[in-house]
Full PDB file with SEQRES, HELIX, SHEET, SSBOND, CRYST1, ORIGX, SCALE, CONECT and MASTER records, all heavy atoms in Angstrom:
SEQRES   1 A   42  LYS LEU THR ASP ILE ASP VAL ARG VAL GLU ALA ALA ILE          
SEQRES   2 A   42  VAL ALA ALA GLY ALA ARG ARG ASP LEU GLY GLN LEU ASP          
SEQRES   3 A   42  ALA ALA LEU ALA VAL LEU GLN GLN GLU PRO LEU HIS ASN          
SEQRES   4 A   42  SER SER PRO                                                  
HELIX    1 AA1 ILE A    5  ASP A   21  1                                  17    
HELIX    2 AA2 LEU A   25  GLN A   33  1                                   9    
CRYST1    1.000    1.000    1.000  90.00  90.00  90.00 P 1           1          
ORIGX1      1.000000  0.000000  0.000000        0.00000                         
ORIGX2      0.000000  1.000000  0.000000        0.00000                         
ORIGX3      0.000000  0.000000  1.000000        0.00000                         
SCALE1      1.000000  0.000000  0.000000        0.00000                         
SCALE2      0.000000  1.000000  0.000000        0.00000                         
SCALE3      0.000000  0.000000  1.000000        0.00000                         
ATOM      1  N   LYS A   1      75.121  86.197 159.460  1.00  0.00           N  
ATOM      2  CA  LYS A   1      75.705  85.968 160.792  1.00  0.00           C  
ATOM      3  C   LYS A   1      74.974  84.875 161.579  1.00  0.00           C  
ATOM      4  O   LYS A   1      75.419  84.483 162.644  1.00  0.00           O  
ATOM      5  CB  LYS A   1      75.664  87.259 161.615  1.00  0.00           C  
ATOM      6  CG  LYS A   1      76.205  88.480 160.906  1.00  0.00           C  
ATOM      7  CD  LYS A   1      77.710  88.429 160.770  1.00  0.00           C  
ATOM      8  CE  LYS A   1      78.307  89.778 160.401  1.00  0.00           C  
ATOM      9  NZ  LYS A   1      77.681  90.461 159.273  1.00  0.00           N  
ATOM     10  N   LEU A   2      73.852  84.409 161.055  1.00  0.00           N  
ATOM     11  CA  LEU A   2      73.014  83.469 161.804  1.00  0.00           C  
ATOM     12  C   LEU A   2      73.445  82.033 161.515  1.00  0.00           C  
ATOM     13  O   LEU A   2      72.904  81.360 160.643  1.00  0.00           O  
ATOM     14  CB  LEU A   2      71.537  83.676 161.448  1.00  0.00           C  
ATOM     15  CG  LEU A   2      70.997  85.098 161.647  1.00  0.00           C  
ATOM     16  CD1 LEU A   2      69.522  85.168 161.310  1.00  0.00           C  
ATOM     17  CD2 LEU A   2      71.264  85.583 163.064  1.00  0.00           C  
ATOM     18  N   THR A   3      74.419  81.573 162.260  1.00  0.00           N  
ATOM     19  CA  THR A   3      74.961  80.232 162.041  1.00  0.00           C  
ATOM     20  C   THR A   3      74.224  79.171 162.852  1.00  0.00           C  
ATOM     21  O   THR A   3      74.257  77.998 162.503  1.00  0.00           O  
ATOM     22  CB  THR A   3      76.450  80.189 162.406  1.00  0.00           C  
ATOM     23  OG1 THR A   3      76.612  80.653 163.757  1.00  0.00           O  
ATOM     24  CG2 THR A   3      77.252  81.106 161.481  1.00  0.00           C  
ATOM     25  N   ASP A   4      73.565  79.554 163.938  1.00  0.00           N  
ATOM     26  CA  ASP A   4      72.809  78.605 164.745  1.00  0.00           C  
ATOM     27  C   ASP A   4      71.460  78.337 164.081  1.00  0.00           C  
ATOM     28  O   ASP A   4      70.713  79.275 163.773  1.00  0.00           O  
ATOM     29  CB  ASP A   4      72.599  79.170 166.147  1.00  0.00           C  
ATOM     30  CG  ASP A   4      71.873  78.194 167.053  1.00  0.00           C  
ATOM     31  OD1 ASP A   4      70.623  78.169 167.023  1.00  0.00           O  
ATOM     32  OD2 ASP A   4      72.555  77.435 167.779  1.00  0.00           O  
ATOM     33  N   ILE A   5      71.127  77.078 163.858  1.00  0.00           N  
ATOM     34  CA  ILE A   5      69.933  76.726 163.112  1.00  0.00           C  
ATOM     35  C   ILE A   5      68.664  77.212 163.795  1.00  0.00           C  
ATOM     36  O   ILE A   5      67.731  77.692 163.151  1.00  0.00           O  
ATOM     37  CB  ILE A   5      69.858  75.196 162.844  1.00  0.00           C  
ATOM     38  CG1 ILE A   5      68.661  74.858 161.946  1.00  0.00           C  
ATOM     39  CG2 ILE A   5      69.816  74.416 164.133  1.00  0.00           C  
ATOM     40  CD1 ILE A   5      68.737  75.422 160.565  1.00  0.00           C  
ATOM     41  N   ASP A   6      68.590  77.106 165.119  1.00  0.00           N  
ATOM     42  CA  ASP A   6      67.404  77.581 165.837  1.00  0.00           C  
ATOM     43  C   ASP A   6      67.184  79.072 165.613  1.00  0.00           C  
ATOM     44  O   ASP A   6      66.056  79.510 165.352  1.00  0.00           O  
ATOM     45  CB  ASP A   6      67.542  77.307 167.336  1.00  0.00           C  
ATOM     46  CG  ASP A   6      67.605  75.837 167.665  1.00  0.00           C  
ATOM     47  OD1 ASP A   6      68.697  75.247 167.552  1.00  0.00           O  
ATOM     48  OD2 ASP A   6      66.563  75.280 168.015  1.00  0.00           O  
ATOM     49  N   VAL A   7      68.263  79.838 165.725  1.00  0.00           N  
ATOM     50  CA  VAL A   7      68.168  81.286 165.563  1.00  0.00           C  
ATOM     51  C   VAL A   7      67.789  81.631 164.130  1.00  0.00           C  
ATOM     52  O   VAL A   7      66.936  82.496 163.883  1.00  0.00           O  
ATOM     53  CB  VAL A   7      69.507  81.960 165.943  1.00  0.00           C  
ATOM     54  CG1 VAL A   7      69.464  83.462 165.662  1.00  0.00           C  
ATOM     55  CG2 VAL A   7      69.824  81.705 167.413  1.00  0.00           C  
ATOM     56  N   ARG A   8      68.398  80.940 163.176  1.00  0.00           N  
ATOM     57  CA  ARG A   8      68.122  81.221 161.763  1.00  0.00           C  
ATOM     58  C   ARG A   8      66.671  80.914 161.401  1.00  0.00           C  
ATOM     59  O   ARG A   8      66.006  81.693 160.706  1.00  0.00           O  
ATOM     60  CB  ARG A   8      69.062  80.402 160.875  1.00  0.00           C  
ATOM     61  CG  ARG A   8      69.090  80.893 159.427  1.00  0.00           C  
ATOM     62  CD  ARG A   8      69.966  80.015 158.573  1.00  0.00           C  
ATOM     63  NE  ARG A   8      69.261  78.809 158.153  1.00  0.00           N  
ATOM     64  CZ  ARG A   8      69.841  77.641 157.882  1.00  0.00           C  
ATOM     65  NH1 ARG A   8      71.143  77.519 158.024  1.00  0.00           N  
ATOM     66  NH2 ARG A   8      69.146  76.611 157.482  1.00  0.00           N  
ATOM     67  N   VAL A   9      66.160  79.792 161.886  1.00  0.00           N  
ATOM     68  CA  VAL A   9      64.780  79.425 161.584  1.00  0.00           C  
ATOM     69  C   VAL A   9      63.806  80.403 162.222  1.00  0.00           C  
ATOM     70  O   VAL A   9      62.830  80.827 161.582  1.00  0.00           O  
ATOM     71  CB  VAL A   9      64.492  77.978 162.038  1.00  0.00           C  
ATOM     72  CG1 VAL A   9      62.994  77.698 162.072  1.00  0.00           C  
ATOM     73  CG2 VAL A   9      65.183  76.990 161.097  1.00  0.00           C  
ATOM     74  N   GLU A  10      64.052  80.789 163.460  1.00  0.00           N  
ATOM     75  CA  GLU A  10      63.162  81.751 164.115  1.00  0.00           C  
ATOM     76  C   GLU A  10      63.148  83.066 163.345  1.00  0.00           C  
ATOM     77  O   GLU A  10      62.094  83.694 163.179  1.00  0.00           O  
ATOM     78  CB  GLU A  10      63.588  81.983 165.562  1.00  0.00           C  
ATOM     79  CG  GLU A  10      63.257  80.837 166.495  1.00  0.00           C  
ATOM     80  CD  GLU A  10      61.766  80.543 166.574  1.00  0.00           C  
ATOM     81  OE1 GLU A  10      60.953  81.502 166.544  1.00  0.00           O  
ATOM     82  OE2 GLU A  10      61.407  79.364 166.655  1.00  0.00           O  
ATOM     83  N   ALA A  11      64.314  83.496 162.874  1.00  0.00           N  
ATOM     84  CA  ALA A  11      64.389  84.732 162.101  1.00  0.00           C  
ATOM     85  C   ALA A  11      63.623  84.598 160.791  1.00  0.00           C  
ATOM     86  O   ALA A  11      62.930  85.535 160.361  1.00  0.00           O  
ATOM     87  CB  ALA A  11      65.850  85.099 161.829  1.00  0.00           C  
ATOM     88  N   ALA A  12      63.716  83.433 160.164  1.00  0.00           N  
ATOM     89  CA  ALA A  12      62.986  83.198 158.913  1.00  0.00           C  
ATOM     90  C   ALA A  12      61.476  83.221 159.147  1.00  0.00           C  
ATOM     91  O   ALA A  12      60.714  83.755 158.332  1.00  0.00           O  
ATOM     92  CB  ALA A  12      63.403  81.862 158.306  1.00  0.00           C  
ATOM     93  N   ILE A  13      61.040  82.641 160.254  1.00  0.00           N  
ATOM     94  CA  ILE A  13      59.611  82.634 160.576  1.00  0.00           C  
ATOM     95  C   ILE A  13      59.105  84.071 160.755  1.00  0.00           C  
ATOM     96  O   ILE A  13      58.027  84.436 160.273  1.00  0.00           O  
ATOM     97  CB  ILE A  13      59.345  81.795 161.837  1.00  0.00           C  
ATOM     98  CG1 ILE A  13      59.573  80.306 161.530  1.00  0.00           C  
ATOM     99  CG2 ILE A  13      57.928  82.011 162.353  1.00  0.00           C  
ATOM    100  CD1 ILE A  13      59.556  79.411 162.756  1.00  0.00           C  
ATOM    101  N   VAL A  14      59.896  84.897 161.423  1.00  0.00           N  
ATOM    102  CA  VAL A  14      59.508  86.296 161.608  1.00  0.00           C  
ATOM    103  C   VAL A  14      59.496  87.029 160.267  1.00  0.00           C  
ATOM    104  O   VAL A  14      58.577  87.798 159.979  1.00  0.00           O  
ATOM    105  CB  VAL A  14      60.457  87.004 162.596  1.00  0.00           C  
ATOM    106  CG1 VAL A  14      60.146  88.503 162.654  1.00  0.00           C  
ATOM    107  CG2 VAL A  14      60.322  86.399 163.985  1.00  0.00           C  
ATOM    108  N   ALA A  15      60.510  86.781 159.435  1.00  0.00           N  
ATOM    109  CA  ALA A  15      60.557  87.428 158.118  1.00  0.00           C  
ATOM    110  C   ALA A  15      59.349  87.027 157.278  1.00  0.00           C  
ATOM    111  O   ALA A  15      58.751  87.866 156.588  1.00  0.00           O  
ATOM    112  CB  ALA A  15      61.849  87.064 157.406  1.00  0.00           C  
ATOM    113  N   ALA A  16      58.983  85.757 157.329  1.00  0.00           N  
ATOM    114  CA  ALA A  16      57.803  85.302 156.600  1.00  0.00           C  
ATOM    115  C   ALA A  16      56.555  85.996 157.134  1.00  0.00           C  
ATOM    116  O   ALA A  16      55.660  86.395 156.363  1.00  0.00           O  
ATOM    117  CB  ALA A  16      57.664  83.785 156.718  1.00  0.00           C  
ATOM    118  N   GLY A  17      56.485  86.168 158.455  1.00  0.00           N  
ATOM    119  CA  GLY A  17      55.351  86.877 159.040  1.00  0.00           C  
ATOM    120  C   GLY A  17      55.288  88.324 158.574  1.00  0.00           C  
ATOM    121  O   GLY A  17      54.198  88.854 158.319  1.00  0.00           O  
ATOM    122  N   ALA A  18      56.446  88.945 158.446  1.00  0.00           N  
ATOM    123  CA  ALA A  18      56.484  90.321 157.955  1.00  0.00           C  
ATOM    124  C   ALA A  18      55.996  90.396 156.506  1.00  0.00           C  
ATOM    125  O   ALA A  18      55.279  91.331 156.127  1.00  0.00           O  
ATOM    126  CB  ALA A  18      57.899  90.879 158.072  1.00  0.00           C  
ATOM    127  N   ARG A  19      56.384  89.412 155.706  1.00  0.00           N  
ATOM    128  CA  ARG A  19      55.872  89.366 154.324  1.00  0.00           C  
ATOM    129  C   ARG A  19      54.353  89.204 154.318  1.00  0.00           C  
ATOM    130  O   ARG A  19      53.644  89.825 153.513  1.00  0.00           O  
ATOM    131  CB  ARG A  19      56.524  88.202 153.567  1.00  0.00           C  
ATOM    132  CG  ARG A  19      57.995  88.394 153.264  1.00  0.00           C  
ATOM    133  CD  ARG A  19      58.225  89.507 152.275  1.00  0.00           C  
ATOM    134  NE  ARG A  19      59.636  89.668 151.950  1.00  0.00           N  
ATOM    135  CZ  ARG A  19      60.120  90.709 151.272  1.00  0.00           C  
ATOM    136  NH1 ARG A  19      59.316  91.668 150.851  1.00  0.00           N  
ATOM    137  NH2 ARG A  19      61.413  90.788 151.017  1.00  0.00           N  
ATOM    138  N   ARG A  20      53.829  88.387 155.231  1.00  0.00           N  
ATOM    139  CA  ARG A  20      52.385  88.216 155.332  1.00  0.00           C  
ATOM    140  C   ARG A  20      51.710  89.518 155.759  1.00  0.00           C  
ATOM    141  O   ARG A  20      50.635  89.869 155.265  1.00  0.00           O  
ATOM    142  CB  ARG A  20      52.053  87.087 156.318  1.00  0.00           C  
ATOM    143  CG  ARG A  20      52.416  85.722 155.783  1.00  0.00           C  
ATOM    144  CD  ARG A  20      52.293  84.632 156.821  1.00  0.00           C  
ATOM    145  NE  ARG A  20      50.913  84.417 157.264  1.00  0.00           N  
ATOM    146  CZ  ARG A  20      50.517  83.381 157.992  1.00  0.00           C  
ATOM    147  NH1 ARG A  20      51.402  82.470 158.372  1.00  0.00           N  
ATOM    148  NH2 ARG A  20      49.254  83.252 158.350  1.00  0.00           N  
ATOM    149  N   ASP A  21      52.347  90.250 156.669  1.00  0.00           N  
ATOM    150  CA  ASP A  21      51.809  91.551 157.075  1.00  0.00           C  
ATOM    151  C   ASP A  21      51.642  92.471 155.870  1.00  0.00           C  
ATOM    152  O   ASP A  21      50.720  93.303 155.826  1.00  0.00           O  
ATOM    153  CB  ASP A  21      52.743  92.232 158.076  1.00  0.00           C  
ATOM    154  CG  ASP A  21      52.843  91.493 159.407  1.00  0.00           C  
ATOM    155  OD1 ASP A  21      51.957  90.664 159.698  1.00  0.00           O  
ATOM    156  OD2 ASP A  21      53.822  91.749 160.142  1.00  0.00           O  
ATOM    157  N   LEU A  22      52.566  92.338 154.924  1.00  0.00           N  
ATOM    158  CA  LEU A  22      52.541  93.181 153.716  1.00  0.00           C  
ATOM    159  C   LEU A  22      51.660  92.597 152.611  1.00  0.00           C  
ATOM    160  O   LEU A  22      51.595  93.156 151.516  1.00  0.00           O  
ATOM    161  CB  LEU A  22      53.973  93.356 153.200  1.00  0.00           C  
ATOM    162  CG  LEU A  22      54.915  94.147 154.122  1.00  0.00           C  
ATOM    163  CD1 LEU A  22      56.368  93.969 153.697  1.00  0.00           C  
ATOM    164  CD2 LEU A  22      54.536  95.620 154.138  1.00  0.00           C  
ATOM    165  N   GLY A  23      51.014  91.463 152.894  1.00  0.00           N  
ATOM    166  CA  GLY A  23      50.155  90.821 151.906  1.00  0.00           C  
ATOM    167  C   GLY A  23      50.909  90.048 150.842  1.00  0.00           C  
ATOM    168  O   GLY A  23      50.347  89.705 149.803  1.00  0.00           O  
ATOM    169  N   GLN A  24      52.180  89.728 151.124  1.00  0.00           N  
ATOM    170  CA  GLN A  24      53.038  89.045 150.146  1.00  0.00           C  
ATOM    171  C   GLN A  24      53.149  87.553 150.493  1.00  0.00           C  
ATOM    172  O   GLN A  24      54.183  87.077 150.964  1.00  0.00           O  
ATOM    173  CB  GLN A  24      54.414  89.718 150.120  1.00  0.00           C  
ATOM    174  CG  GLN A  24      54.359  91.197 149.777  1.00  0.00           C  
ATOM    175  CD  GLN A  24      55.684  91.905 150.003  1.00  0.00           C  
ATOM    176  OE1 GLN A  24      56.660  91.315 150.452  1.00  0.00           O  
ATOM    177  NE2 GLN A  24      55.722  93.197 149.689  1.00  0.00           N  
ATOM    178  N   LEU A  25      52.073  86.818 150.247  1.00  0.00           N  
ATOM    179  CA  LEU A  25      52.035  85.418 150.671  1.00  0.00           C  
ATOM    180  C   LEU A  25      53.033  84.553 149.911  1.00  0.00           C  
ATOM    181  O   LEU A  25      53.670  83.670 150.493  1.00  0.00           O  
ATOM    182  CB  LEU A  25      50.619  84.858 150.512  1.00  0.00           C  
ATOM    183  CG  LEU A  25      49.557  85.470 151.444  1.00  0.00           C  
ATOM    184  CD1 LEU A  25      48.201  84.840 151.176  1.00  0.00           C  
ATOM    185  CD2 LEU A  25      49.947  85.284 152.898  1.00  0.00           C  
ATOM    186  N   ASP A  26      53.166  84.773 148.617  1.00  0.00           N  
ATOM    187  CA  ASP A  26      54.132  83.979 147.847  1.00  0.00           C  
ATOM    188  C   ASP A  26      55.552  84.229 148.346  1.00  0.00           C  
ATOM    189  O   ASP A  26      56.364  83.296 148.448  1.00  0.00           O  
ATOM    190  CB  ASP A  26      54.040  84.322 146.353  1.00  0.00           C  
ATOM    191  CG  ASP A  26      52.787  83.742 145.704  1.00  0.00           C  
ATOM    192  OD1 ASP A  26      52.165  82.841 146.312  1.00  0.00           O  
ATOM    193  OD2 ASP A  26      52.432  84.195 144.602  1.00  0.00           O  
ATOM    194  N   ALA A  27      55.854  85.475 148.674  1.00  0.00           N  
ATOM    195  CA  ALA A  27      57.178  85.795 149.198  1.00  0.00           C  
ATOM    196  C   ALA A  27      57.387  85.167 150.576  1.00  0.00           C  
ATOM    197  O   ALA A  27      58.486  84.699 150.904  1.00  0.00           O  
ATOM    198  CB  ALA A  27      57.360  87.312 149.286  1.00  0.00           C  
ATOM    199  N   ALA A  28      56.329  85.126 151.376  1.00  0.00           N  
ATOM    200  CA  ALA A  28      56.420  84.489 152.692  1.00  0.00           C  
ATOM    201  C   ALA A  28      56.729  83.004 152.551  1.00  0.00           C  
ATOM    202  O   ALA A  28      57.588  82.452 153.261  1.00  0.00           O  
ATOM    203  CB  ALA A  28      55.111  84.684 153.462  1.00  0.00           C  
ATOM    204  N   LEU A  29      56.056  82.347 151.638  1.00  0.00           N  
ATOM    205  CA  LEU A  29      56.317  80.923 151.395  1.00  0.00           C  
ATOM    206  C   LEU A  29      57.747  80.715 150.910  1.00  0.00           C  
ATOM    207  O   LEU A  29      58.425  79.760 151.318  1.00  0.00           O  
ATOM    208  CB  LEU A  29      55.317  80.373 150.370  1.00  0.00           C  
ATOM    209  CG  LEU A  29      53.870  80.240 150.853  1.00  0.00           C  
ATOM    210  CD1 LEU A  29      52.947  79.933 149.679  1.00  0.00           C  
ATOM    211  CD2 LEU A  29      53.747  79.160 151.926  1.00  0.00           C  
ATOM    212  N   ALA A  30      58.217  81.608 150.046  1.00  0.00           N  
ATOM    213  CA  ALA A  30      59.578  81.483 149.509  1.00  0.00           C  
ATOM    214  C   ALA A  30      60.616  81.598 150.625  1.00  0.00           C  
ATOM    215  O   ALA A  30      61.627  80.879 150.618  1.00  0.00           O  
ATOM    216  CB  ALA A  30      59.815  82.554 148.444  1.00  0.00           C  
ATOM    217  N   VAL A  31      60.377  82.486 151.579  1.00  0.00           N  
ATOM    218  CA  VAL A  31      61.300  82.639 152.714  1.00  0.00           C  
ATOM    219  C   VAL A  31      61.408  81.322 153.475  1.00  0.00           C  
ATOM    220  O   VAL A  31      62.509  80.862 153.812  1.00  0.00           O  
ATOM    221  CB  VAL A  31      60.819  83.758 153.658  1.00  0.00           C  
ATOM    222  CG1 VAL A  31      61.592  83.717 154.979  1.00  0.00           C  
ATOM    223  CG2 VAL A  31      60.987  85.126 153.007  1.00  0.00           C  
ATOM    224  N   LEU A  32      60.280  80.699 153.746  1.00  0.00           N  
ATOM    225  CA  LEU A  32      60.267  79.459 154.526  1.00  0.00           C  
ATOM    226  C   LEU A  32      60.827  78.283 153.734  1.00  0.00           C  
ATOM    227  O   LEU A  32      61.430  77.368 154.304  1.00  0.00           O  
ATOM    228  CB  LEU A  32      58.842  79.165 154.992  1.00  0.00           C  
ATOM    229  CG  LEU A  32      58.250  80.231 155.926  1.00  0.00           C  
ATOM    230  CD1 LEU A  32      56.769  79.980 156.158  1.00  0.00           C  
ATOM    231  CD2 LEU A  32      59.010  80.281 157.244  1.00  0.00           C  
ATOM    232  N   GLN A  33      60.643  78.316 152.415  1.00  0.00           N  
ATOM    233  CA  GLN A  33      61.166  77.238 151.574  1.00  0.00           C  
ATOM    234  C   GLN A  33      62.693  77.223 151.520  1.00  0.00           C  
ATOM    235  O   GLN A  33      63.294  76.211 151.151  1.00  0.00           O  
ATOM    236  CB  GLN A  33      60.590  77.369 150.158  1.00  0.00           C  
ATOM    237  CG  GLN A  33      59.125  76.973 150.065  1.00  0.00           C  
ATOM    238  CD  GLN A  33      58.463  77.465 148.789  1.00  0.00           C  
ATOM    239  OE1 GLN A  33      59.085  78.185 147.986  1.00  0.00           O  
ATOM    240  NE2 GLN A  33      57.215  77.104 148.586  1.00  0.00           N  
ATOM    241  N   GLN A  34      63.313  78.325 151.901  1.00  0.00           N  
ATOM    242  CA  GLN A  34      64.780  78.384 151.930  1.00  0.00           C  
ATOM    243  C   GLN A  34      65.360  77.658 153.142  1.00  0.00           C  
ATOM    244  O   GLN A  34      66.561  77.423 153.211  1.00  0.00           O  
ATOM    245  CB  GLN A  34      65.242  79.849 151.942  1.00  0.00           C  
ATOM    246  CG  GLN A  34      64.939  80.606 150.664  1.00  0.00           C  
ATOM    247  CD  GLN A  34      65.298  82.080 150.783  1.00  0.00           C  
ATOM    248  OE1 GLN A  34      66.182  82.453 151.554  1.00  0.00           O  
ATOM    249  NE2 GLN A  34      64.617  82.923 150.029  1.00  0.00           N  
ATOM    250  N   GLU A  35      64.503  77.302 154.097  1.00  0.00           N  
ATOM    251  CA  GLU A  35      64.950  76.623 155.310  1.00  0.00           C  
ATOM    252  C   GLU A  35      64.717  75.111 155.187  1.00  0.00           C  
ATOM    253  O   GLU A  35      63.971  74.661 154.318  1.00  0.00           O  
ATOM    254  CB  GLU A  35      64.209  77.194 156.528  1.00  0.00           C  
ATOM    255  CG  GLU A  35      64.362  78.700 156.687  1.00  0.00           C  
ATOM    256  CD  GLU A  35      65.817  79.135 156.743  1.00  0.00           C  
ATOM    257  OE1 GLU A  35      66.660  78.397 157.285  1.00  0.00           O  
ATOM    258  OE2 GLU A  35      66.116  80.238 156.228  1.00  0.00           O  
ATOM    259  N   PRO A  36      65.336  74.297 156.059  1.00  0.00           N  
ATOM    260  CA  PRO A  36      65.286  72.830 155.927  1.00  0.00           C  
ATOM    261  C   PRO A  36      63.955  72.206 156.363  1.00  0.00           C  
ATOM    262  O   PRO A  36      63.869  71.494 157.366  1.00  0.00           O  
ATOM    263  CB  PRO A  36      66.450  72.357 156.806  1.00  0.00           C  
ATOM    264  CG  PRO A  36      66.616  73.434 157.822  1.00  0.00           C  
ATOM    265  CD  PRO A  36      66.284  74.722 157.119  1.00  0.00           C  
ATOM    266  N   LEU A  37      62.921  72.465 155.584  1.00  0.00           N  
ATOM    267  CA  LEU A  37      61.596  71.911 155.874  1.00  0.00           C  
ATOM    268  C   LEU A  37      61.585  70.388 155.863  1.00  0.00           C  
ATOM    269  O   LEU A  37      60.757  69.750 156.525  1.00  0.00           O  
ATOM    270  CB  LEU A  37      60.581  72.425 154.843  1.00  0.00           C  
ATOM    271  CG  LEU A  37      60.083  73.867 155.003  1.00  0.00           C  
ATOM    272  CD1 LEU A  37      59.501  74.364 153.696  1.00  0.00           C  
ATOM    273  CD2 LEU A  37      59.051  73.948 156.112  1.00  0.00           C  
ATOM    274  N   HIS A  38      62.499  69.791 155.106  1.00  0.00           N  
ATOM    275  CA  HIS A  38      62.505  68.329 154.940  1.00  0.00           C  
ATOM    276  C   HIS A  38      63.505  67.638 155.874  1.00  0.00           C  
ATOM    277  O   HIS A  38      63.803  66.455 155.677  1.00  0.00           O  
ATOM    278  CB  HIS A  38      62.808  67.983 153.486  1.00  0.00           C  
ATOM    279  CG  HIS A  38      61.734  68.448 152.535  1.00  0.00           C  
ATOM    280  ND1 HIS A  38      60.576  67.738 152.315  1.00  0.00           N  
ATOM    281  CD2 HIS A  38      61.654  69.567 151.781  1.00  0.00           C  
ATOM    282  CE1 HIS A  38      59.821  68.391 151.446  1.00  0.00           C  
ATOM    283  NE2 HIS A  38      60.453  69.503 151.102  1.00  0.00           N  
ATOM    284  N   ASN A  39      64.005  68.358 156.852  1.00  0.00           N  
ATOM    285  CA  ASN A  39      64.881  67.727 157.844  1.00  0.00           C  
ATOM    286  C   ASN A  39      64.173  66.515 158.456  1.00  0.00           C  
ATOM    287  O   ASN A  39      62.960  66.527 158.654  1.00  0.00           O  
ATOM    288  CB  ASN A  39      65.227  68.752 158.927  1.00  0.00           C  
ATOM    289  CG  ASN A  39      66.298  68.260 159.870  1.00  0.00           C  
ATOM    290  OD1 ASN A  39      66.059  67.395 160.697  1.00  0.00           O  
ATOM    291  ND2 ASN A  39      67.491  68.809 159.754  1.00  0.00           N  
ATOM    292  N   SER A  40      64.936  65.481 158.767  1.00  0.00           N  
ATOM    293  CA  SER A  40      64.316  64.227 159.230  1.00  0.00           C  
ATOM    294  C   SER A  40      64.294  64.051 160.747  1.00  0.00           C  
ATOM    295  O   SER A  40      63.745  63.069 161.244  1.00  0.00           O  
ATOM    296  CB  SER A  40      65.039  63.025 158.603  1.00  0.00           C  
ATOM    297  OG  SER A  40      66.410  63.039 158.954  1.00  0.00           O  
ATOM    298  N   SER A  41      64.892  64.966 161.494  1.00  0.00           N  
ATOM    299  CA  SER A  41      64.952  64.815 162.951  1.00  0.00           C  
ATOM    300  C   SER A  41      63.908  65.688 163.634  1.00  0.00           C  
ATOM    301  O   SER A  41      63.922  66.909 163.465  1.00  0.00           O  
ATOM    302  CB  SER A  41      66.343  65.205 163.466  1.00  0.00           C  
ATOM    303  OG  SER A  41      67.332  64.392 162.878  1.00  0.00           O  
ATOM    304  N   PRO A  42      62.992  65.084 164.393  1.00  0.00           N  
ATOM    305  CA  PRO A  42      61.987  65.887 165.101  1.00  0.00           C  
ATOM    306  C   PRO A  42      62.654  66.841 166.091  1.00  0.00           C  
ATOM    307  O   PRO A  42      63.409  66.420 166.961  1.00  0.00           O  
ATOM    308  CB  PRO A  42      61.148  64.836 165.845  1.00  0.00           C  
ATOM    309  CG  PRO A  42      61.386  63.561 165.110  1.00  0.00           C  
ATOM    310  CD  PRO A  42      62.800  63.639 164.617  1.00  0.00           C  
TER     311      PRO A  42                                                      
MASTER        0    0    0    2    0    0    0    6  310    1    0    4          
END                                                                             
């Protein structure tokens, strides 16, 4: 349901944080890698 990019990215950041809380660093990185890290617009 998260079609707005700002909302989707914020949710991904929180999900990655939750994975870190559980000690799942590789899973946290994977969550963030699914988002547009290489976007060219600041």
